[in-house]
PDB file of N, CA and C in Angstrom:
ATOM      1  N   MET A   1      56.964  95.531  72.349  1.00  0.00           N
ATOM      2  CA  MET A   1      57.915  95.238  71.299  1.00  0.00           C
ATOM      3  C   MET A   1      59.225  94.840  71.959  1.00  0.00           C
ATOM      4  N   GLU A   2      59.900  93.901  71.367  1.00  0.00           N
ATOM      5  CA  GLU A   2      61.176  93.431  71.907  1.00  0.00           C
ATOM      6  C   GLU A   2      62.330  94.103  71.179  1.00  0.00           C
ATOM      7  N   ILE A   3      63.377  94.412  71.950  1.00  0.00           N
ATOM      8  CA  ILE A   3      64.632  94.876  71.356  1.00  0.00           C
ATOM      9  C   ILE A   3      65.689  93.852  71.734  1.00  0.00           C
ATOM     10  N   PHE A   4      66.460  93.450  70.747  1.00  0.00           N
ATOM     11  CA  PHE A   4      67.512  92.463  70.951  1.00  0.00           C
ATOM     12  C   PHE A   4      68.864  93.127  70.795  1.00  0.00           C
ATOM     13  N   ILE A   5      69.808  92.699  71.612  1.00  0.00           N
ATOM     14  CA  ILE A   5      71.194  93.059  71.397  1.00  0.00           C
ATOM     15  C   ILE A   5      71.939  91.740  71.195  1.00  0.00           C
ATOM     16  N   PHE A   6      72.549  91.626  70.029  1.00  0.00           N
ATOM     17  CA  PHE A   6      73.337  90.445  69.705  1.00  0.00           C
ATOM     18  C   PHE A   6      74.767  90.744  70.125  1.00  0.00           C
ATOM     19  N   VAL A   7      75.305  89.914  71.016  1.00  0.00           N
ATOM     20  CA  VAL A   7      76.604  90.175  71.629  1.00  0.00           C
ATOM     21  C   VAL A   7      77.513  88.963  71.531  1.00  0.00           C
ATOM     22  N   ARG A   8      78.745  89.208  71.873  1.00  0.00           N
ATOM     23  CA  ARG A   8      79.746  88.154  71.998  1.00  0.00           C
ATOM     24  C   ARG A   8      80.364  88.303  73.383  1.00  0.00           C
ATOM     25  N   LYS A   9      80.487  87.237  74.096  1.00  0.00           N
ATOM     26  CA  LYS A   9      81.059  87.255  75.439  1.00  0.00           C
ATOM     27  C   LYS A   9      82.476  87.837  75.397  1.00  0.00           C
ATOM     28  N   GLY A  10      82.742  88.806  76.275  1.00  0.00           N
ATOM     29  CA  GLY A  10      84.061  89.416  76.353  1.00  0.00           C
ATOM     30  C   GLY A  10      84.273  90.593  75.415  1.00  0.00           C
ATOM     31  N   CYS A  11      83.270  90.948  74.633  1.00  0.00           N
ATOM     32  CA  CYS A  11      83.371  92.070  73.695  1.00  0.00           C
ATOM     33  C   CYS A  11      83.125  93.371  74.459  1.00  0.00           C
ATOM     34  N   CYS A  12      84.119  94.258  74.473  1.00  0.00           N
ATOM     35  CA  CYS A  12      83.984  95.506  75.238  1.00  0.00           C
ATOM     36  C   CYS A  12      82.923  96.431  74.639  1.00  0.00           C
ATOM     37  N   LEU A  13      82.786  96.455  73.324  1.00  0.00           N
ATOM     38  CA  LEU A  13      81.735  97.276  72.702  1.00  0.00           C
ATOM     39  C   LEU A  13      80.346  96.739  73.050  1.00  0.00           C
ATOM     40  N   CYS A  14      80.218  95.425  73.062  1.00  0.00           N
ATOM     41  CA  CYS A  14      78.941  94.799  73.420  1.00  0.00           C
ATOM     42  C   CYS A  14      78.572  95.124  74.862  1.00  0.00           C
ATOM     43  N   ASN A  15      79.536  94.975  75.761  1.00  0.00           N
ATOM     44  CA  ASN A  15      79.278  95.238  77.177  1.00  0.00           C
ATOM     45  C   ASN A  15      78.910  96.695  77.414  1.00  0.00           C
ATOM     46  N   ALA A  16      79.595  97.617  76.736  1.00  0.00           N
ATOM     47  CA  ALA A  16      79.322  99.041  76.906  1.00  0.00           C
ATOM     48  C   ALA A  16      77.896  99.374  76.450  1.00  0.00           C
ATOM     49  N   LEU A  17      77.488  98.884  75.282  1.00  0.00           N
ATOM     50  CA  LEU A  17      76.150  99.161  74.778  1.00  0.00           C
ATOM     51  C   LEU A  17      75.092  98.497  75.649  1.00  0.00           C
ATOM     52  N   LYS A  18      75.346  97.275  76.056  1.00  0.00           N
ATOM     53  CA  LYS A  18      74.404  96.558  76.922  1.00  0.00           C
ATOM     54  C   LYS A  18      74.195  97.333  78.231  1.00  0.00           C
ATOM     55  N   ASN A  19      75.260  97.840  78.830  1.00  0.00           N
ATOM     56  CA  ASN A  19      75.149  98.604  80.070  1.00  0.00           C
ATOM     57  C   ASN A  19      74.376  99.899  79.861  1.00  0.00           C
ATOM     58  N   LYS A  20      74.582 100.552  78.733  1.00  0.00           N
ATOM     59  CA  LYS A  20      73.835 101.773  78.430  1.00  0.00           C
ATOM     60  C   LYS A  20      72.345 101.478  78.290  1.00  0.00           C
ATOM     61  N   LEU A  21      72.013 100.379  77.617  1.00  0.00           N
ATOM     62  CA  LEU A  21      70.607 100.008  77.449  1.00  0.00           C
ATOM     63  C   LEU A  21      69.952  99.661  78.785  1.00  0.00           C
ATOM     64  N   ILE A  22      70.703  99.026  79.654  1.00  0.00           N
ATOM     65  CA  ILE A  22      70.187  98.668  80.970  1.00  0.00           C
ATOM     66  C   ILE A  22      69.938  99.923  81.806  1.00  0.00           C
ATOM     67  N   ASN A  23      70.797 100.940  81.644  1.00  0.00           N
ATOM     68  CA  ASN A  23      70.712 102.150  82.461  1.00  0.00           C
ATOM     69  C   ASN A  23      69.616 103.118  82.036  1.00  0.00           C
ATOM     70  N   ILE A  24      69.125 103.014  80.810  1.00  0.00           N
ATOM     71  CA  ILE A  24      68.031 103.905  80.410  1.00  0.00           C
ATOM     72  C   ILE A  24      66.704 103.179  80.617  1.00  0.00           C
ATOM     73  N   ASN A  25      65.641 103.937  80.777  1.00  0.00           N
ATOM     74  CA  ASN A  25      64.323 103.351  80.979  1.00  0.00           C
ATOM     75  C   ASN A  25      63.689 103.070  79.616  1.00  0.00           C
ATOM     76  N   LEU A  26      63.795 101.846  79.162  1.00  0.00           N
ATOM     77  CA  LEU A  26      63.280 101.474  77.847  1.00  0.00           C
ATOM     78  C   LEU A  26      61.757 101.566  77.770  1.00  0.00           C
ATOM     79  N   LYS A  27      61.089 101.537  78.899  1.00  0.00           N
ATOM     80  CA  LYS A  27      59.628 101.620  78.906  1.00  0.00           C
ATOM     81  C   LYS A  27      59.137 103.031  78.576  1.00  0.00           C
ATOM     82  N   GLU A  28      60.021 104.030  78.673  1.00  0.00           N
ATOM     83  CA  GLU A  28      59.669 105.406  78.317  1.00  0.00           C
ATOM     84  C   GLU A  28      59.698 105.636  76.810  1.00  0.00           C
ATOM     85  N   ILE A  29      60.351 104.744  76.097  1.00  0.00           N
ATOM     86  CA  ILE A  29      60.485 104.881  74.649  1.00  0.00           C
ATOM     87  C   ILE A  29      59.201 104.385  73.999  1.00  0.00           C
ATOM     88  N   LYS A  30      58.772 105.098  72.979  1.00  0.00           N
ATOM     89  CA  LYS A  30      57.564 104.711  72.245  1.00  0.00           C
ATOM     90  C   LYS A  30      57.976 104.015  70.964  1.00  0.00           C
ATOM     91  N   PRO A  31      57.576 102.809  70.680  1.00  0.00           N
ATOM     92  CA  PRO A  31      56.796 101.921  71.522  1.00  0.00           C
ATOM     93  C   PRO A  31      57.641 101.366  72.671  1.00  0.00           C
ATOM     94  N   LYS A  32      56.982 100.901  73.721  1.00  0.00           N
ATOM     95  CA  LYS A  32      57.689 100.355  74.881  1.00  0.00           C
ATOM     96  C   LYS A  32      58.494  99.137  74.448  1.00  0.00           C
ATOM     97  N   LEU A  33      59.700  99.040  75.009  1.00  0.00           N
ATOM     98  CA  LEU A  33      60.615  97.985  74.599  1.00  0.00           C
ATOM     99  C   LEU A  33      60.917  97.022  75.737  1.00  0.00           C
ATOM    100  N   GLU A  34      61.034  95.772  75.385  1.00  0.00           N
ATOM    101  CA  GLU A  34      61.459  94.736  76.317  1.00  0.00           C
ATOM    102  C   GLU A  34      62.836  94.265  75.862  1.00  0.00           C
ATOM    103  N   PHE A  35      63.817  94.311  76.741  1.00  0.00           N
ATOM    104  CA  PHE A  35      65.219  94.055  76.424  1.00  0.00           C
ATOM    105  C   PHE A  35      65.548  92.569  76.469  1.00  0.00           C
ATOM    106  N   ASN A  36      66.239  92.087  75.414  1.00  0.00           N
ATOM    107  CA  ASN A  36      66.702  90.701  75.348  1.00  0.00           C
ATOM    108  C   ASN A  36      68.124  90.673  74.818  1.00  0.00           C
ATOM    109  N   GLU A  37      68.950  89.862  75.425  1.00  0.00           N
ATOM    110  CA  GLU A  37      70.349  89.700  75.001  1.00  0.00           C
ATOM    111  C   GLU A  37      70.523  88.321  74.384  1.00  0.00           C
ATOM    112  N   ILE A  38      71.226  88.272  73.247  1.00  0.00           N
ATOM    113  CA  ILE A  38      71.495  87.000  72.588  1.00  0.00           C
ATOM    114  C   ILE A  38      72.992  86.888  72.338  1.00  0.00           C
ATOM    115  N   ASP A  39      73.597  85.854  72.902  1.00  0.00           N
ATOM    116  CA  ASP A  39      75.018  85.571  72.702  1.00  0.00           C
ATOM    117  C   ASP A  39      75.153  84.791  71.400  1.00  0.00           C
ATOM    118  N   ILE A  40      75.750  85.406  70.394  1.00  0.00           N
ATOM    119  CA  ILE A  40      75.820  84.746  69.080  1.00  0.00           C
ATOM    120  C   ILE A  40      76.763  83.559  69.061  1.00  0.00           C
ATOM    121  N   ASP A  41      77.583  83.396  70.092  1.00  0.00           N
ATOM    122  CA  ASP A  41      78.510  82.272  70.123  1.00  0.00           C
ATOM    123  C   ASP A  41      77.896  80.990  70.667  1.00  0.00           C
ATOM    124  N   ARG A  42      76.639  81.071  71.115  1.00  0.00           N
ATOM    125  CA  ARG A  42      75.976  79.829  71.507  1.00  0.00           C
ATOM    126  C   ARG A  42      75.924  78.927  70.283  1.00  0.00           C
ATOM    127  N   PHE A  43      76.385  77.711  70.408  1.00  0.00           N
ATOM    128  CA  PHE A  43      76.511  76.814  69.262  1.00  0.00           C
ATOM    129  C   PHE A  43      75.204  76.652  68.507  1.00  0.00           C
ATOM    130  N   ASP A  44      74.105  76.497  69.229  1.00  0.00           N
ATOM    131  CA  ASP A  44      72.822  76.282  68.567  1.00  0.00           C
ATOM    132  C   ASP A  44      72.371  77.498  67.763  1.00  0.00           C
ATOM    133  N   LEU A  45      72.845  78.690  68.128  1.00  0.00           N
ATOM    134  CA  LEU A  45      72.496  79.897  67.383  1.00  0.00           C
ATOM    135  C   LEU A  45      73.503  80.182  66.278  1.00  0.00           C
ATOM    136  N   TYR A  46      74.789  80.001  66.578  1.00  0.00           N
ATOM    137  CA  TYR A  46      75.843  80.387  65.643  1.00  0.00           C
ATOM    138  C   TYR A  46      75.742  79.616  64.337  1.00  0.00           C
ATOM    139  N   LYS A  47      75.455  78.344  64.422  1.00  0.00           N
ATOM    140  CA  LYS A  47      75.454  77.540  63.197  1.00  0.00           C
ATOM    141  C   LYS A  47      74.297  77.900  62.263  1.00  0.00           C
ATOM    142  N   ASP A  48      73.318  78.608  62.784  1.00  0.00           N
ATOM    143  CA  ASP A  48      72.157  78.935  61.960  1.00  0.00           C
ATOM    144  C   ASP A  48      72.077  80.422  61.647  1.00  0.00           C
ATOM    145  N   LYS A  49      71.059  81.058  62.170  1.00  0.00           N
ATOM    146  CA  LYS A  49      70.702  82.386  61.704  1.00  0.00           C
ATOM    147  C   LYS A  49      71.564  83.533  62.194  1.00  0.00           C
ATOM    148  N   TYR A  50      72.355  83.391  63.251  1.00  0.00           N
ATOM    149  CA  TYR A  50      73.101  84.535  63.754  1.00  0.00           C
ATOM    150  C   TYR A  50      74.568  84.537  63.333  1.00  0.00           C
ATOM    151  N   LYS A  51      74.955  83.591  62.505  1.00  0.00           N
ATOM    152  CA  LYS A  51      76.328  83.554  62.024  1.00  0.00           C
ATOM    153  C   LYS A  51      76.677  84.839  61.266  1.00  0.00           C
ATOM    154  N   LYS A  52      75.689  85.477  60.662  1.00  0.00           N
ATOM    155  CA  LYS A  52      75.936  86.687  59.891  1.00  0.00           C
ATOM    156  C   LYS A  52      76.418  87.848  60.768  1.00  0.00           C
ATOM    157  N   PHE A  53      76.188  87.776  62.076  1.00  0.00           N
ATOM    158  CA  PHE A  53      76.619  88.839  62.989  1.00  0.00           C
ATOM    159  C   PHE A  53      78.043  88.622  63.510  1.00  0.00           C
ATOM    160  N   ASP A  54      78.721  87.609  63.014  1.00  0.00           N
ATOM    161  CA  ASP A  54      80.023  87.211  63.528  1.00  0.00           C
ATOM    162  C   ASP A  54      80.986  88.384  63.702  1.00  0.00           C
ATOM    163  N   HIS A  55      81.095  89.244  62.707  1.00  0.00           N
ATOM    164  CA  HIS A  55      82.037  90.373  62.764  1.00  0.00           C
ATOM    165  C   HIS A  55      81.322  91.703  62.925  1.00  0.00           C
ATOM    166  N   GLU A  56      80.061  91.669  63.317  1.00  0.00           N
ATOM    167  CA  GLU A  56      79.251  92.886  63.388  1.00  0.00           C
ATOM    168  C   GLU A  56      78.834  93.282  64.798  1.00  0.00           C
ATOM    169  N   VAL A  57      79.006  92.430  65.786  1.00  0.00           N
ATOM    170  CA  VAL A  57      78.498  92.719  67.131  1.00  0.00           C
ATOM    171  C   VAL A  57      79.125  93.976  67.710  1.00  0.00           C
ATOM    172  N   PRO A  58      78.389  94.723  68.498  1.00  0.00           N
ATOM    173  CA  PRO A  58      77.011  94.502  68.895  1.00  0.00           C
ATOM    174  C   PRO A  58      76.037  94.935  67.810  1.00  0.00           C
ATOM    175  N   VAL A  59      74.955  94.199  67.687  1.00  0.00           N
ATOM    176  CA  VAL A  59      73.900  94.504  66.722  1.00  0.00           C
ATOM    177  C   VAL A  59      72.594  94.666  67.496  1.00  0.00           C
ATOM    178  N   LEU A  60      71.873  95.733  67.185  1.00  0.00           N
ATOM    179  CA  LEU A  60      70.548  95.945  67.769  1.00  0.00           C
ATOM    180  C   LEU A  60      69.488  95.598  66.732  1.00  0.00           C
ATOM    181  N   ALA A  61      68.425  94.980  67.190  1.00  0.00           N
ATOM    182  CA  ALA A  61      67.308  94.638  66.310  1.00  0.00           C
ATOM    183  C   ALA A  61      66.026  94.685  67.124  1.00  0.00           C
ATOM    184  N   ILE A  62      64.933  94.891  66.435  1.00  0.00           N
ATOM    185  CA  ILE A  62      63.628  94.873  67.086  1.00  0.00           C
ATOM    186  C   ILE A  62      62.792  93.753  66.483  1.00  0.00           C
ATOM    187  N   LYS A  63      61.847  93.283  67.268  1.00  0.00           N
ATOM    188  CA  LYS A  63      60.924  92.246  66.798  1.00  0.00           C
ATOM    189  C   LYS A  63      59.531  92.827  66.852  1.00  0.00           C
ATOM    190  N   GLU A  64      58.912  92.905  65.692  1.00  0.00           N
ATOM    191  CA  GLU A  64      57.560  93.441  65.610  1.00  0.00           C
ATOM    192  C   GLU A  64      56.592  92.540  66.373  1.00  0.00           C
ATOM    193  N   SER A  65      55.679  93.161  67.065  1.00  0.00           N
ATOM    194  CA  SER A  65      54.709  92.407  67.869  1.00  0.00           C
ATOM    195  C   SER A  65      53.772  91.578  67.000  1.00  0.00           C
ATOM    196  N   LYS A  66      53.292  92.169  65.919  1.00  0.00           N
ATOM    197  CA  LYS A  66      52.292  91.488  65.086  1.00  0.00           C
ATOM    198  C   LYS A  66      52.907  90.435  64.167  1.00  0.00           C
ATOM    199  N   SER A  67      53.884  90.833  63.377  1.00  0.00           N
ATOM    200  CA  SER A  67      54.429  89.926  62.371  1.00  0.00           C
ATOM    201  C   SER A  67      55.554  89.037  62.891  1.00  0.00           C
ATOM    202  N   LYS A  68      56.093  89.380  64.054  1.00  0.00           N
ATOM    203  CA  LYS A  68      57.231  88.647  64.646  1.00  0.00           C
ATOM    204  C   LYS A  68      58.502  88.761  63.801  1.00  0.00           C
ATOM    205  N   LYS A  69      58.510  89.690  62.854  1.00  0.00           N
ATOM    206  CA  LYS A  69      59.662  89.913  62.000  1.00  0.00           C
ATOM    207  C   LYS A  69      60.760  90.623  62.787  1.00  0.00           C
ATOM    208  N   ILE A  70      62.015  90.188  62.612  1.00  0.00           N
ATOM    209  CA  ILE A  70      63.151  90.829  63.269  1.00  0.00           C
ATOM    210  C   ILE A  70      63.778  91.811  62.290  1.00  0.00           C
ATOM    211  N   ILE A  71      63.882  93.061  62.729  1.00  0.00           N
ATOM    212  CA  ILE A  71      64.407  94.149  61.895  1.00  0.00           C
ATOM    213  C   ILE A  71      65.677  94.688  62.533  1.00  0.00           C
ATOM    214  N   GLU A  72      66.777  94.609  61.796  1.00  0.00           N
ATOM    215  CA  GLU A  72      68.046  95.159  62.293  1.00  0.00           C
ATOM    216  C   GLU A  72      67.996  96.681  62.270  1.00  0.00           C
ATOM    217  N   LEU A  73      68.573  97.278  63.303  1.00  0.00           N
ATOM    218  CA  LEU A  73      68.700  98.726  63.357  1.00  0.00           C
ATOM    219  C   LEU A  73      70.082  99.113  62.846  1.00  0.00           C
ATOM    220  N   PRO A  74      70.267 100.365  62.426  1.00  0.00           N
ATOM    221  CA  PRO A  74      71.593 100.799  61.956  1.00  0.00           C
ATOM    222  C   PRO A  74      72.643 100.682  63.067  1.00  0.00           C
ATOM    223  N   ARG A  75      73.898 100.668  62.649  1.00  0.00           N
ATOM    224  CA  ARG A  75      75.003 100.656  63.626  1.00  0.00           C
ATOM    225  C   ARG A  75      74.871 101.865  64.523  1.00  0.00           C
ATOM    226  N   ILE A  76      75.223 101.693  65.763  1.00  0.00           N
ATOM    227  CA  ILE A  76      75.071 102.760  66.755  1.00  0.00           C
ATOM    228  C   ILE A  76      76.440 103.243  67.214  1.00  0.00           C
ATOM    229  N   SER A  77      76.567 104.539  67.377  1.00  0.00           N
ATOM    230  CA  SER A  77      77.822 105.120  67.843  1.00  0.00           C
ATOM    231  C   SER A  77      78.041 104.773  69.314  1.00  0.00           C
ATOM    232  N   PRO A  78      79.214 104.297  69.679  1.00  0.00           N
ATOM    233  CA  PRO A  78      79.494 104.004  71.088  1.00  0.00           C
ATOM    234  C   PRO A  78      79.603 105.275  71.937  1.00  0.00           C
ATOM    235  N   ARG A  79      79.607 106.425  71.299  1.00  0.00           N
ATOM    236  CA  ARG A  79      79.741 107.698  72.020  1.00  0.00           C
ATOM    237  C   ARG A  79      78.422 108.256  72.537  1.00  0.00           C
ATOM    238  N   LEU A  80      77.294 107.688  72.132  1.00  0.00           N
ATOM    239  CA  LEU A  80      76.000 108.205  72.561  1.00  0.00           C
ATOM    240  C   LEU A  80      75.815 108.046  74.066  1.00  0.00           C
ATOM    241  N   LYS A  81      75.333 109.097  74.697  1.00  0.00           N
ATOM    242  CA  LYS A  81      75.020 109.079  76.132  1.00  0.00           C
ATOM    243  C   LYS A  81      73.552 108.701  76.304  1.00  0.00           C
ATOM    244  N   ASP A  82      73.087 108.618  77.547  1.00  0.00           N
ATOM    245  CA  ASP A  82      71.752 108.114  77.859  1.00  0.00           C
ATOM    246  C   ASP A  82      70.632 108.791  77.068  1.00  0.00           C
ATOM    247  N   ASP A  83      70.499 110.118  77.175  1.00  0.00           N
ATOM    248  CA  ASP A  83      69.424 110.809  76.464  1.00  0.00           C
ATOM    249  C   ASP A  83      69.579 110.705  74.954  1.00  0.00           C
ATOM    250  N   GLN A  84      70.804 110.777  74.485  1.00  0.00           N
ATOM    251  CA  GLN A  84      71.056 110.642  73.046  1.00  0.00           C
ATOM    252  C   GLN A  84      70.676 109.248  72.570  1.00  0.00           C
ATOM    253  N   LEU A  85      70.976 108.248  73.368  1.00  0.00           N
ATOM    254  CA  LEU A  85      70.649 106.865  73.015  1.00  0.00           C
ATOM    255  C   LEU A  85      69.132 106.674  72.957  1.00  0.00           C
ATOM    256  N   LYS A  86      68.400 107.232  73.913  1.00  0.00           N
ATOM    257  CA  LYS A  86      66.939 107.132  73.891  1.00  0.00           C
ATOM    258  C   LYS A  86      66.362 107.768  72.632  1.00  0.00           C
ATOM    259  N   LYS A  87      66.847 108.953  72.287  1.00  0.00           N
ATOM    260  CA  LYS A  87      66.372 109.637  71.077  1.00  0.00           C
ATOM    261  C   LYS A  87      66.731 108.841  69.832  1.00  0.00           C
ATOM    262  N   TRP A  88      67.948 108.308  69.797  1.00  0.00           N
ATOM    263  CA  TRP A  88      68.398 107.498  68.662  1.00  0.00           C
ATOM    264  C   TRP A  88      67.487 106.283  68.501  1.00  0.00           C
ATOM    265  N   LEU A  89      67.190 105.608  69.610  1.00  0.00           N
ATOM    266  CA  LEU A  89      66.328 104.425  69.556  1.00  0.00           C
ATOM    267  C   LEU A  89      64.938 104.769  69.033  1.00  0.00           C
ATOM    268  N   GLU A  90      64.323 105.818  69.591  1.00  0.00           N
ATOM    269  CA  GLU A  90      62.984 106.206  69.142  1.00  0.00           C
ATOM    270  C   GLU A  90      62.966 106.518  67.651  1.00  0.00           C
ATOM    271  N   LYS A  91      63.935 107.294  67.218  1.00  0.00           N
ATOM    272  CA  LYS A  91      64.001 107.692  65.802  1.00  0.00           C
ATOM    273  C   LYS A  91      64.182 106.476  64.896  1.00  0.00           C
ATOM    274  N   ASN A  92      65.162 105.642  65.197  1.00  0.00           N
ATOM    275  CA  ASN A  92      65.487 104.525  64.319  1.00  0.00           C
ATOM    276  C   ASN A  92      64.462 103.402  64.367  1.00  0.00           C
ATOM    277  N   ILE A  93      63.813 103.218  65.495  1.00  0.00           N
ATOM    278  CA  ILE A  93      62.747 102.231  65.569  1.00  0.00           C
ATOM    279  C   ILE A  93      61.558 102.674  64.726  1.00  0.00           C
ATOM    280  N   ASN A  94      61.199 103.935  64.828  1.00  0.00           N
ATOM    281  CA  ASN A  94      60.084 104.450  64.022  1.00  0.00           C
ATOM    282  C   ASN A  94      60.394 104.394  62.524  1.00  0.00           C
ATOM    283  N   ILE A  95      61.614 104.711  62.152  1.00  0.00           N
ATOM    284  CA  ILE A  95      62.013 104.611  60.742  1.00  0.00           C
ATOM    285  C   ILE A  95      61.916 103.159  60.281  1.00  0.00           C
ATOM    286  N   ALA A  96      62.432 102.228  61.089  1.00  0.00           N
ATOM    287  CA  ALA A  96      62.415 100.807  60.726  1.00  0.00           C
ATOM    288  C   ALA A  96      60.988 100.286  60.591  1.00  0.00           C
ATOM    289  N   LEU A  97      60.122 100.693  61.490  1.00  0.00           N
ATOM    290  CA  LEU A  97      58.733 100.218  61.444  1.00  0.00           C
ATOM    291  C   LEU A  97      57.992 100.805  60.246  1.00  0.00           C
ATOM    292  N   ASN A  98      58.272 102.050  59.907  1.00  0.00           N
ATOM    293  CA  ASN A  98      57.601 102.677  58.773  1.00  0.00           C
ATOM    294  C   ASN A  98      58.103 102.154  57.427  1.00  0.00           C
ATOM    295  N   ASN A  99      59.328 101.627  57.400  1.00  0.00           N
ATOM    296  CA  ASN A  99      59.894 101.114  56.147  1.00  0.00           C
ATOM    297  C   ASN A  99      59.523  99.657  55.899  1.00  0.00           C
ATOM    298  N   ASN A 100      58.950  98.999  56.896  1.00  0.00           N
ATOM    299  CA  ASN A 100      58.603  97.582  56.727  1.00  0.00           C
ATOM    300  C   ASN A 100      57.135  97.330  56.770  1.00  0.00           C
TER     301      ASN A 100
END
């Protein structure tokens, strides 16, 4: 399963969350996650589907393996540490998958 972080270049909140995600072992989370970063300011992306994230970054979303549907996760607290972030991800991913 893929996890996306939608970011804006130079955004301190985006950089902090991205670094936290890089520092934890996403493969330990069930289901296993593959990390992808998307810069919403890329012109080809901004004019279309990611314009809605303009004032919301950083945004986390997952892409279901079977349906390829992208599901946004709830806003995440910038205060979460490594273990807390892993637990938050597992909980919210499972909730998102069960609701869709």
